[in-house]
N, C-alpha and C. Protein backbone atom coordinates (compact mmCIF):
# COMPACT_ATOMS: atom_id res chain seq x y z
N MET A 1 110.22 54.16 77.12
CA MET A 1 111.27 53.15 77.25
C MET A 1 112.64 53.82 77.35
N LYS A 2 112.82 54.91 76.61
CA LYS A 2 114.09 55.59 76.65
C LYS A 2 114.38 56.13 78.06
N LYS A 3 113.35 56.73 78.68
CA LYS A 3 113.52 57.26 80.03
C LYS A 3 113.81 56.13 81.02
N LEU A 4 113.11 55.01 80.86
CA LEU A 4 113.33 53.83 81.72
C LEU A 4 114.79 53.41 81.67
N CYS A 5 115.38 53.43 80.49
CA CYS A 5 116.78 52.99 80.33
C CYS A 5 117.79 54.02 80.84
N ILE A 6 117.53 55.28 80.60
CA ILE A 6 118.45 56.32 81.10
C ILE A 6 118.46 56.32 82.62
N ILE A 7 117.25 56.31 83.21
CA ILE A 7 117.17 56.25 84.67
C ILE A 7 117.78 54.96 85.17
N GLY A 8 117.56 53.87 84.43
CA GLY A 8 118.11 52.57 84.81
C GLY A 8 119.63 52.55 84.88
N VAL A 9 120.28 53.18 83.89
CA VAL A 9 121.74 53.26 83.93
C VAL A 9 122.21 53.95 85.20
N LEU A 10 121.56 55.03 85.53
CA LEU A 10 121.93 55.79 86.73
C LEU A 10 121.68 55.00 88.01
N ILE A 11 120.49 54.47 88.15
CA ILE A 11 120.13 53.74 89.38
C ILE A 11 120.97 52.46 89.53
N VAL A 12 121.08 51.69 88.47
CA VAL A 12 121.88 50.44 88.58
C VAL A 12 123.34 50.75 88.87
N SER A 13 123.86 51.79 88.26
CA SER A 13 125.26 52.19 88.54
C SER A 13 125.45 52.59 89.99
N VAL A 14 124.52 53.36 90.52
CA VAL A 14 124.59 53.78 91.92
C VAL A 14 124.42 52.58 92.84
N LEU A 15 123.43 51.75 92.57
CA LEU A 15 123.22 50.54 93.40
C LEU A 15 124.43 49.64 93.39
N GLY A 16 125.00 49.41 92.22
CA GLY A 16 126.19 48.57 92.10
C GLY A 16 127.34 49.13 92.89
N THR A 17 127.52 50.44 92.83
CA THR A 17 128.60 51.10 93.59
C THR A 17 128.36 50.92 95.08
N LEU A 18 127.12 51.11 95.54
CA LEU A 18 126.80 50.92 96.95
C LEU A 18 126.92 49.46 97.38
N PHE A 19 126.49 48.57 96.51
CA PHE A 19 126.55 47.13 96.81
C PHE A 19 127.99 46.67 97.04
N HIS A 20 128.94 47.34 96.40
CA HIS A 20 130.32 46.94 96.53
C HIS A 20 130.76 46.91 97.99
N PHE A 21 130.16 47.77 98.78
CA PHE A 21 130.54 47.89 100.19
C PHE A 21 129.49 47.30 101.13
N GLY A 22 128.46 46.67 100.58
CA GLY A 22 127.35 46.19 101.39
C GLY A 22 127.63 45.03 102.30
N TYR A 23 128.52 44.13 101.91
CA TYR A 23 128.75 42.90 102.70
C TYR A 23 129.29 43.22 104.09
N SER A 24 130.09 44.26 104.21
CA SER A 24 130.64 44.61 105.52
C SER A 24 129.55 45.13 106.45
N ILE A 25 128.45 45.63 105.87
CA ILE A 25 127.33 46.15 106.68
C ILE A 25 126.31 45.05 106.95
N VAL A 26 125.89 44.37 105.87
CA VAL A 26 124.89 43.30 105.97
C VAL A 26 125.43 42.11 105.16
N PRO A 27 126.00 41.12 105.83
CA PRO A 27 126.63 40.00 105.09
C PRO A 27 125.63 39.01 104.50
N ILE A 28 125.02 39.39 103.39
CA ILE A 28 124.13 38.51 102.66
C ILE A 28 124.64 38.28 101.26
N PHE A 29 124.15 37.24 100.60
CA PHE A 29 124.70 36.79 99.34
C PHE A 29 124.58 37.79 98.18
N ILE A 30 123.72 38.79 98.27
CA ILE A 30 123.59 39.72 97.15
C ILE A 30 124.74 40.69 97.05
N PHE A 31 125.54 40.81 98.12
CA PHE A 31 126.67 41.71 98.13
C PHE A 31 127.97 40.94 97.95
N PRO A 32 128.94 41.51 97.22
CA PRO A 32 130.24 40.83 97.09
C PRO A 32 130.93 40.73 98.44
N LYS A 33 131.43 39.51 98.74
CA LYS A 33 132.12 39.34 100.04
C LYS A 33 133.62 39.40 99.93
N ASN A 34 134.14 39.45 98.72
CA ASN A 34 135.58 39.63 98.51
C ASN A 34 135.80 40.32 97.16
N GLU A 35 137.04 40.43 96.74
CA GLU A 35 137.39 41.15 95.52
C GLU A 35 137.50 40.25 94.30
N SER A 36 136.92 39.04 94.35
CA SER A 36 137.02 38.14 93.20
C SER A 36 136.14 38.62 92.05
N ILE A 37 136.43 38.15 90.87
CA ILE A 37 135.62 38.51 89.70
C ILE A 37 134.21 37.96 89.88
N PHE A 38 134.10 36.73 90.37
CA PHE A 38 132.77 36.16 90.59
C PHE A 38 131.92 37.06 91.49
N GLU A 39 132.47 37.48 92.61
CA GLU A 39 131.70 38.30 93.54
C GLU A 39 131.31 39.64 92.91
N HIS A 40 132.12 40.14 92.01
CA HIS A 40 131.79 41.40 91.35
C HIS A 40 130.71 41.28 90.29
N THR A 41 130.43 40.07 89.85
CA THR A 41 129.31 39.89 88.91
C THR A 41 127.97 40.19 89.62
N LYS A 42 127.97 40.09 90.95
CA LYS A 42 126.77 40.42 91.71
C LYS A 42 126.40 41.90 91.58
N LEU A 43 127.39 42.73 91.28
CA LEU A 43 127.13 44.16 91.10
C LEU A 43 126.30 44.43 89.85
N ILE A 44 126.22 43.45 88.99
CA ILE A 44 125.37 43.54 87.80
C ILE A 44 124.04 42.84 88.07
N VAL A 45 124.09 41.60 88.51
CA VAL A 45 122.89 40.79 88.65
C VAL A 45 121.85 41.44 89.55
N PHE A 46 122.19 41.73 90.77
CA PHE A 46 121.19 42.15 91.74
C PHE A 46 120.70 43.59 91.54
N PRO A 47 121.57 44.57 91.22
CA PRO A 47 121.01 45.89 90.90
C PRO A 47 120.09 45.89 89.68
N PHE A 48 120.42 45.10 88.66
CA PHE A 48 119.54 45.01 87.50
C PHE A 48 118.19 44.42 87.91
N LEU A 49 118.20 43.38 88.73
CA LEU A 49 116.93 42.74 89.14
C LEU A 49 116.12 43.68 90.02
N ILE A 50 116.76 44.37 90.92
CA ILE A 50 116.04 45.34 91.78
C ILE A 50 115.39 46.42 90.93
N TYR A 51 116.15 46.93 89.96
CA TYR A 51 115.58 47.95 89.10
C TYR A 51 114.45 47.42 88.25
N PHE A 52 114.58 46.20 87.76
CA PHE A 52 113.50 45.59 86.97
C PHE A 52 112.20 45.55 87.79
N PHE A 53 112.29 45.03 89.02
CA PHE A 53 111.07 44.90 89.82
C PHE A 53 110.52 46.27 90.25
N ALA A 54 111.41 47.25 90.42
CA ALA A 54 110.96 48.59 90.79
C ALA A 54 110.24 49.29 89.66
N CYS A 55 110.68 49.07 88.42
CA CYS A 55 110.07 49.78 87.29
C CYS A 55 108.93 48.99 86.65
N LEU A 56 108.75 47.75 87.02
CA LEU A 56 107.72 46.91 86.42
C LEU A 56 106.31 47.52 86.46
N PRO A 57 105.88 48.11 87.59
CA PRO A 57 104.53 48.70 87.60
C PRO A 57 104.35 49.90 86.66
N PHE A 58 105.44 50.53 86.27
CA PHE A 58 105.37 51.72 85.44
C PHE A 58 105.52 51.41 83.94
N TYR A 59 105.83 50.17 83.61
CA TYR A 59 106.06 49.76 82.23
C TYR A 59 104.73 49.40 81.59
N LYS A 60 104.43 50.00 80.46
CA LYS A 60 103.11 49.86 79.84
C LYS A 60 103.07 48.76 78.77
N GLU A 61 104.24 48.35 78.25
CA GLU A 61 104.25 47.38 77.18
C GLU A 61 104.27 45.96 77.74
N ASN A 62 104.63 45.00 76.92
CA ASN A 62 104.66 43.58 77.29
C ASN A 62 105.70 43.34 78.37
N LYS A 63 105.24 42.94 79.54
CA LYS A 63 106.13 42.73 80.68
C LYS A 63 107.00 41.47 80.52
N GLU A 64 106.52 40.51 79.77
CA GLU A 64 107.35 39.32 79.51
C GLU A 64 108.55 39.69 78.66
N THR A 65 108.35 40.56 77.69
CA THR A 65 109.46 41.04 76.85
C THR A 65 110.44 41.83 77.69
N LEU A 66 109.95 42.67 78.58
CA LEU A 66 110.82 43.43 79.48
C LEU A 66 111.65 42.49 80.35
N PHE A 67 111.03 41.48 80.91
CA PHE A 67 111.74 40.52 81.77
C PHE A 67 112.83 39.82 80.97
N SER A 68 112.49 39.33 79.79
CA SER A 68 113.48 38.66 78.93
C SER A 68 114.62 39.59 78.57
N SER A 69 114.30 40.86 78.32
CA SER A 69 115.33 41.85 78.01
C SER A 69 116.28 42.03 79.18
N PHE A 70 115.76 42.12 80.38
CA PHE A 70 116.59 42.30 81.55
C PHE A 70 117.48 41.07 81.81
N VAL A 71 116.91 39.89 81.67
CA VAL A 71 117.72 38.68 81.87
C VAL A 71 118.82 38.58 80.86
N PHE A 72 118.50 38.87 79.58
CA PHE A 72 119.52 38.85 78.56
C PHE A 72 120.58 39.91 78.81
N ALA A 73 120.17 41.09 79.26
CA ALA A 73 121.12 42.16 79.59
C ALA A 73 122.04 41.73 80.73
N ILE A 74 121.50 41.06 81.73
CA ILE A 74 122.30 40.58 82.83
C ILE A 74 123.36 39.59 82.33
N ILE A 75 122.94 38.65 81.48
CA ILE A 75 123.86 37.65 80.93
C ILE A 75 124.97 38.31 80.14
N VAL A 76 124.60 39.17 79.21
CA VAL A 76 125.60 39.81 78.33
C VAL A 76 126.52 40.73 79.13
N SER A 77 125.97 41.51 80.03
CA SER A 77 126.77 42.42 80.84
C SER A 77 127.75 41.66 81.72
N THR A 78 127.31 40.55 82.28
CA THR A 78 128.19 39.75 83.12
C THR A 78 129.30 39.14 82.29
N ILE A 79 128.98 38.59 81.14
CA ILE A 79 130.01 38.01 80.27
C ILE A 79 130.99 39.09 79.81
N PHE A 80 130.46 40.26 79.45
CA PHE A 80 131.33 41.37 79.03
C PHE A 80 132.29 41.74 80.13
N THR A 81 131.82 41.81 81.36
CA THR A 81 132.66 42.17 82.49
C THR A 81 133.78 41.16 82.68
N VAL A 82 133.44 39.88 82.69
CA VAL A 82 134.43 38.84 82.93
C VAL A 82 135.46 38.81 81.79
N VAL A 83 134.99 38.80 80.55
CA VAL A 83 135.90 38.74 79.40
C VAL A 83 136.79 39.98 79.34
N SER A 84 136.22 41.16 79.57
CA SER A 84 137.02 42.38 79.54
C SER A 84 138.08 42.38 80.61
N TYR A 85 137.69 41.95 81.81
CA TYR A 85 138.67 41.93 82.93
C TYR A 85 139.84 41.00 82.59
N TYR A 86 139.53 39.78 82.19
CA TYR A 86 140.61 38.81 81.92
C TYR A 86 141.43 39.21 80.69
N THR A 87 140.82 39.87 79.73
CA THR A 87 141.55 40.30 78.55
C THR A 87 142.55 41.41 78.90
N TYR A 88 142.08 42.47 79.53
CA TYR A 88 143.00 43.58 79.84
C TYR A 88 144.03 43.19 80.86
N SER A 89 143.63 42.45 81.91
CA SER A 89 144.59 42.09 82.95
C SER A 89 145.60 41.07 82.42
N GLY A 90 145.18 40.24 81.48
CA GLY A 90 146.13 39.31 80.86
C GLY A 90 147.13 40.01 79.97
N VAL A 91 146.67 41.01 79.23
CA VAL A 91 147.56 41.77 78.37
C VAL A 91 148.53 42.62 79.19
N LEU A 92 148.00 43.32 80.20
CA LEU A 92 148.85 44.20 81.01
C LEU A 92 149.62 43.45 82.09
N GLY A 93 149.14 42.28 82.45
CA GLY A 93 149.79 41.50 83.49
C GLY A 93 149.49 41.98 84.90
N LYS A 94 148.49 42.85 85.02
CA LYS A 94 148.09 43.33 86.34
C LYS A 94 146.65 43.80 86.33
N ASN A 95 146.11 44.00 87.50
CA ASN A 95 144.75 44.43 87.71
C ASN A 95 144.77 45.91 88.10
N ILE A 96 143.99 46.76 87.39
CA ILE A 96 143.96 48.17 87.66
C ILE A 96 142.53 48.58 88.03
N ASP A 97 142.36 49.10 89.23
CA ASP A 97 141.03 49.41 89.76
C ASP A 97 140.25 50.37 88.87
N VAL A 98 140.88 51.39 88.33
CA VAL A 98 140.18 52.38 87.50
C VAL A 98 139.60 51.68 86.26
N ILE A 99 140.36 50.78 85.67
CA ILE A 99 139.86 50.04 84.49
C ILE A 99 138.68 49.15 84.90
N ASN A 100 138.78 48.51 86.06
CA ASN A 100 137.66 47.68 86.54
C ASN A 100 136.38 48.50 86.69
N ILE A 101 136.51 49.68 87.23
CA ILE A 101 135.34 50.56 87.42
C ILE A 101 134.76 50.98 86.07
N ILE A 102 135.63 51.33 85.13
CA ILE A 102 135.17 51.70 83.79
C ILE A 102 134.45 50.53 83.12
N ILE A 103 135.00 49.33 83.26
CA ILE A 103 134.37 48.13 82.69
C ILE A 103 132.98 47.95 83.30
N TYR A 104 132.86 48.15 84.61
CA TYR A 104 131.54 48.01 85.25
C TYR A 104 130.53 48.95 84.64
N TYR A 105 130.87 50.23 84.52
CA TYR A 105 129.91 51.19 83.98
C TYR A 105 129.61 50.94 82.51
N ILE A 106 130.58 50.50 81.75
CA ILE A 106 130.33 50.12 80.35
C ILE A 106 129.38 48.92 80.29
N SER A 107 129.56 47.98 81.21
CA SER A 107 128.67 46.80 81.26
C SER A 107 127.23 47.19 81.53
N VAL A 108 127.05 48.13 82.45
CA VAL A 108 125.70 48.61 82.77
C VAL A 108 125.08 49.30 81.55
N ILE A 109 125.85 50.17 80.92
CA ILE A 109 125.35 50.88 79.73
C ILE A 109 125.03 49.88 78.62
N LEU A 110 125.90 48.92 78.40
CA LEU A 110 125.65 47.87 77.38
C LEU A 110 124.35 47.14 77.67
N GLY A 111 124.14 46.78 78.93
CA GLY A 111 122.91 46.09 79.30
C GLY A 111 121.67 46.92 78.97
N PHE A 112 121.71 48.19 79.28
CA PHE A 112 120.54 49.02 79.01
C PHE A 112 120.38 49.35 77.52
N ILE A 113 121.44 49.34 76.76
CA ILE A 113 121.30 49.46 75.30
C ILE A 113 120.55 48.25 74.76
N LEU A 114 120.89 47.07 75.25
CA LEU A 114 120.19 45.87 74.81
C LEU A 114 118.71 45.90 75.23
N ILE A 115 118.44 46.37 76.44
CA ILE A 115 117.06 46.48 76.89
C ILE A 115 116.30 47.48 75.99
N TYR A 116 116.90 48.62 75.72
CA TYR A 116 116.25 49.65 74.92
C TYR A 116 115.99 49.15 73.50
N LYS A 117 116.97 48.47 72.91
CA LYS A 117 116.84 47.99 71.54
C LYS A 117 115.98 46.73 71.44
N LYS A 118 115.62 46.17 72.62
CA LYS A 118 114.84 44.93 72.68
C LYS A 118 115.49 43.80 71.90
N LYS A 119 116.81 43.69 72.04
CA LYS A 119 117.55 42.61 71.41
C LYS A 119 117.43 41.38 72.33
N ILE A 120 116.50 40.52 72.03
CA ILE A 120 116.19 39.41 72.93
C ILE A 120 116.20 38.09 72.14
N PRO A 121 117.30 37.36 72.19
CA PRO A 121 117.31 36.06 71.49
C PRO A 121 116.77 34.93 72.34
N ILE A 122 116.27 35.23 73.53
CA ILE A 122 115.72 34.19 74.40
C ILE A 122 114.28 34.55 74.74
N GLY A 123 113.43 33.54 74.81
CA GLY A 123 112.03 33.75 75.13
C GLY A 123 111.80 33.87 76.61
N PHE A 124 110.56 34.14 76.97
CA PHE A 124 110.18 34.36 78.38
C PHE A 124 110.47 33.11 79.22
N SER A 125 110.06 31.95 78.75
CA SER A 125 110.28 30.71 79.51
C SER A 125 111.74 30.43 79.74
N ASN A 126 112.54 30.60 78.69
CA ASN A 126 113.99 30.39 78.83
C ASN A 126 114.61 31.45 79.75
N SER A 127 114.07 32.66 79.73
CA SER A 127 114.58 33.69 80.62
C SER A 127 114.38 33.31 82.08
N ILE A 128 113.24 32.75 82.38
CA ILE A 128 112.99 32.29 83.75
C ILE A 128 113.98 31.21 84.14
N ILE A 129 114.21 30.26 83.24
CA ILE A 129 115.17 29.17 83.51
C ILE A 129 116.56 29.73 83.71
N PHE A 130 117.00 30.65 82.82
CA PHE A 130 118.33 31.24 82.94
C PHE A 130 118.49 31.99 84.25
N LEU A 131 117.47 32.76 84.63
CA LEU A 131 117.55 33.52 85.87
C LEU A 131 117.61 32.60 87.08
N ILE A 132 116.84 31.53 87.08
CA ILE A 132 116.89 30.57 88.18
C ILE A 132 118.29 29.96 88.27
N ILE A 133 118.87 29.60 87.14
CA ILE A 133 120.21 29.01 87.12
C ILE A 133 121.22 30.04 87.64
N ILE A 134 121.11 31.29 87.20
CA ILE A 134 122.04 32.33 87.67
C ILE A 134 121.93 32.49 89.18
N LEU A 135 120.72 32.54 89.69
CA LEU A 135 120.53 32.71 91.13
C LEU A 135 121.04 31.52 91.94
N ILE A 136 120.77 30.31 91.46
CA ILE A 136 121.25 29.11 92.15
C ILE A 136 122.78 29.09 92.17
N LEU A 137 123.40 29.35 91.02
CA LEU A 137 124.86 29.35 90.95
C LEU A 137 125.46 30.45 91.82
N THR A 138 124.85 31.62 91.81
CA THR A 138 125.35 32.74 92.61
C THR A 138 125.32 32.41 94.10
N ILE A 139 124.19 31.90 94.55
CA ILE A 139 124.06 31.56 95.97
C ILE A 139 125.01 30.42 96.34
N THR A 140 125.05 29.38 95.50
CA THR A 140 125.93 28.23 95.78
C THR A 140 127.38 28.64 95.85
N PHE A 141 127.85 29.35 94.86
CA PHE A 141 129.28 29.71 94.81
C PHE A 141 129.63 30.84 95.79
N THR A 142 128.65 31.55 96.29
CA THR A 142 128.93 32.52 97.35
C THR A 142 129.36 31.79 98.62
N TYR A 143 128.62 30.74 98.94
CA TYR A 143 128.88 30.02 100.18
C TYR A 143 129.85 28.84 100.02
N TYR A 144 129.98 28.34 98.78
CA TYR A 144 130.89 27.20 98.51
C TYR A 144 131.71 27.47 97.25
N PRO A 145 132.59 28.48 97.31
CA PRO A 145 133.37 28.81 96.10
C PRO A 145 134.39 27.73 95.78
N LEU A 146 134.64 27.56 94.50
CA LEU A 146 135.70 26.64 94.07
C LEU A 146 137.04 27.29 94.34
N ASN A 147 138.06 26.47 94.46
CA ASN A 147 139.40 26.99 94.77
C ASN A 147 140.16 27.35 93.49
N ILE A 148 139.59 28.30 92.73
CA ILE A 148 140.22 28.81 91.52
C ILE A 148 140.18 30.34 91.59
N SER A 149 141.01 31.00 90.81
CA SER A 149 141.18 32.45 90.91
C SER A 149 139.88 33.21 90.64
N PHE A 150 138.99 32.68 89.85
CA PHE A 150 137.73 33.37 89.55
C PHE A 150 136.93 33.61 90.83
N PHE A 151 137.08 32.74 91.82
CA PHE A 151 136.31 32.84 93.06
C PHE A 151 137.13 33.38 94.25
N ILE A 152 138.42 33.59 94.04
CA ILE A 152 139.30 34.02 95.13
C ILE A 152 139.66 35.47 94.96
N GLY A 153 139.52 36.26 96.00
CA GLY A 153 139.83 37.65 95.84
C GLY A 153 140.42 38.29 97.04
């Protein structure tokens, strides 16, 4: 499990970094299409999911627990990213790219710490529901964003 998480931090971080520029190459909903905070949450959601499905065949323990861990990590990492961004940019009164990048990598590490520690307050069934909601909201707001700063970039 430890190796799965260490490799996961590296792969998800690299995928997220590559995904940042993906929309200009292949304009699909998994890539951020602008610099909004909402679009940047995709850098957590989709790389985590890709890594989950890639490592699933190699995981020997309960796969339902692993799935729930990944969904919970996605939720917490996304919330951490959004709260951290609005906290620091509100205090400083501006947006600083280096801090945004650091927040992203901390979010990925936080997610994998939760996966490693198996801190899962949600069950498998609820994880499926949460993931479906996340995917529906992501797709919907990618193509029909609200006219608020969270979606404008």
